[in-house]
């Protein structure tokens, strides 16, 4: 009878230990999910900034293209007037 009590007690202790481990794993997973959420938010902000910089770069390139086009047209006109 004592052996049954001992085996039950060890089984109960094992269950308690397993529950502790499960809780620990659950907490670790929760921490990892929180960490991933924070990183995701950070990466999304960085991506938005990069997209914003790309838009600015595109706008700047468009301005330079217009200016270069104007200069090219002016040079063509000057060449035409000089050749006549």
Protein backbone atom coordinates (compact mmCIF):
# COMPACT_ATOMS: atom_id res chain seq x y z
CA UNK A 1 0.00 0.00 0.00
CA UNK A 2 2.84 2.37 0.77
CA UNK A 3 4.38 1.71 -2.60
CA UNK A 4 1.11 2.82 -4.25
CA UNK A 5 1.11 6.00 -2.19
CA UNK A 6 4.74 6.63 -3.11
CA UNK A 7 4.15 5.98 -6.79
CA UNK A 8 1.07 8.24 -6.70
CA UNK A 9 3.02 10.90 -4.91
CA UNK A 10 5.79 10.78 -7.48
CA UNK A 11 3.21 10.86 -10.23
CA UNK A 12 1.64 13.93 -8.65
CA UNK A 13 5.06 15.50 -8.31
CA UNK A 14 5.76 14.74 -11.95
CA UNK A 15 2.49 16.35 -12.95
CA UNK A 16 3.37 19.42 -10.90
CA UNK A 17 6.80 19.56 -12.55
CA UNK A 18 5.27 19.14 -16.00
CA UNK A 19 2.83 21.95 -15.30
CA UNK A 20 5.72 24.17 -14.22
CA UNK A 21 7.58 23.36 -17.42
CA UNK A 22 4.50 23.95 -19.54
CA UNK A 23 3.94 27.32 -17.91
CA UNK A 24 7.57 28.21 -18.48
CA UNK A 25 7.32 27.25 -22.17
CA UNK A 26 4.09 29.22 -22.45
CA UNK A 27 5.78 32.31 -20.96
CA UNK A 28 8.75 31.95 -23.29
CA UNK A 29 6.43 31.69 -26.29
CA UNK A 30 4.49 34.75 -25.14
CA UNK A 31 7.74 36.70 -24.78
CA UNK A 32 8.82 35.62 -28.26
CA UNK A 33 5.49 36.67 -29.76
CA UNK A 34 5.76 40.06 -28.04
CA UNK A 35 9.33 40.44 -29.31
CA UNK A 36 8.23 39.55 -32.85
CA UNK A 37 5.38 42.07 -32.70
CA UNK A 38 7.77 44.82 -31.62
CA UNK A 39 10.24 43.89 -34.35
CA UNK A 40 7.45 43.79 -36.92
CA UNK A 41 6.35 47.29 -35.96
CA UNK A 42 9.94 48.51 -36.15
CA UNK A 43 10.50 46.92 -39.56
CA UNK A 44 7.26 48.37 -40.88
CA UNK A 45 8.32 51.85 -39.77
CA UNK A 46 11.70 51.40 -41.45
CA UNK A 47 10.00 50.19 -44.62
CA UNK A 48 7.71 53.24 -44.62
CA UNK A 49 10.76 55.50 -44.24
CA UNK A 50 12.50 53.78 -47.16
CA UNK A 51 9.39 54.18 -49.30
CA UNK A 52 9.25 57.84 -48.32
CA UNK A 53 12.92 58.33 -49.27
CA UNK A 54 12.29 56.56 -52.59
CA UNK A 55 9.42 58.93 -53.33
CA UNK A 56 11.62 61.91 -52.53
CA UNK A 57 14.38 60.50 -54.74
CA UNK A 58 11.88 59.98 -57.57
CA UNK A 59 10.62 63.56 -57.24
CA UNK A 60 14.19 64.86 -57.25
CA UNK A 61 15.03 62.79 -60.34
CA UNK A 62 11.95 64.14 -62.12
CA UNK A 63 13.06 67.70 -61.39
CA UNK A 64 16.56 67.02 -62.68
CA UNK A 65 15.15 65.34 -65.79
CA UNK A 66 13.00 68.42 -66.51
CA UNK A 67 15.96 70.71 -66.01
CA UNK A 68 18.21 68.58 -68.21
CA UNK A 69 15.52 68.41 -70.84
CA UNK A 70 15.24 72.20 -70.76
CA UNK A 71 19.00 72.57 -71.07
CA UNK A 72 19.08 70.09 -73.97
CA UNK A 73 16.31 71.97 -75.75
CA UNK A 74 18.12 75.27 -75.19
CA UNK A 75 21.35 73.82 -76.63
CA UNK A 76 19.45 72.48 -79.66
CA UNK A 77 17.88 75.91 -80.23
CA UNK A 78 21.26 77.63 -79.88
CA UNK A 79 22.79 75.20 -82.39
CA UNK A 80 19.93 75.85 -84.81
CA UNK A 81 20.31 79.63 -84.57
CA UNK A 82 24.09 79.38 -84.95
CA UNK A 83 23.86 77.17 -88.02
CA UNK A 84 21.50 79.52 -89.84
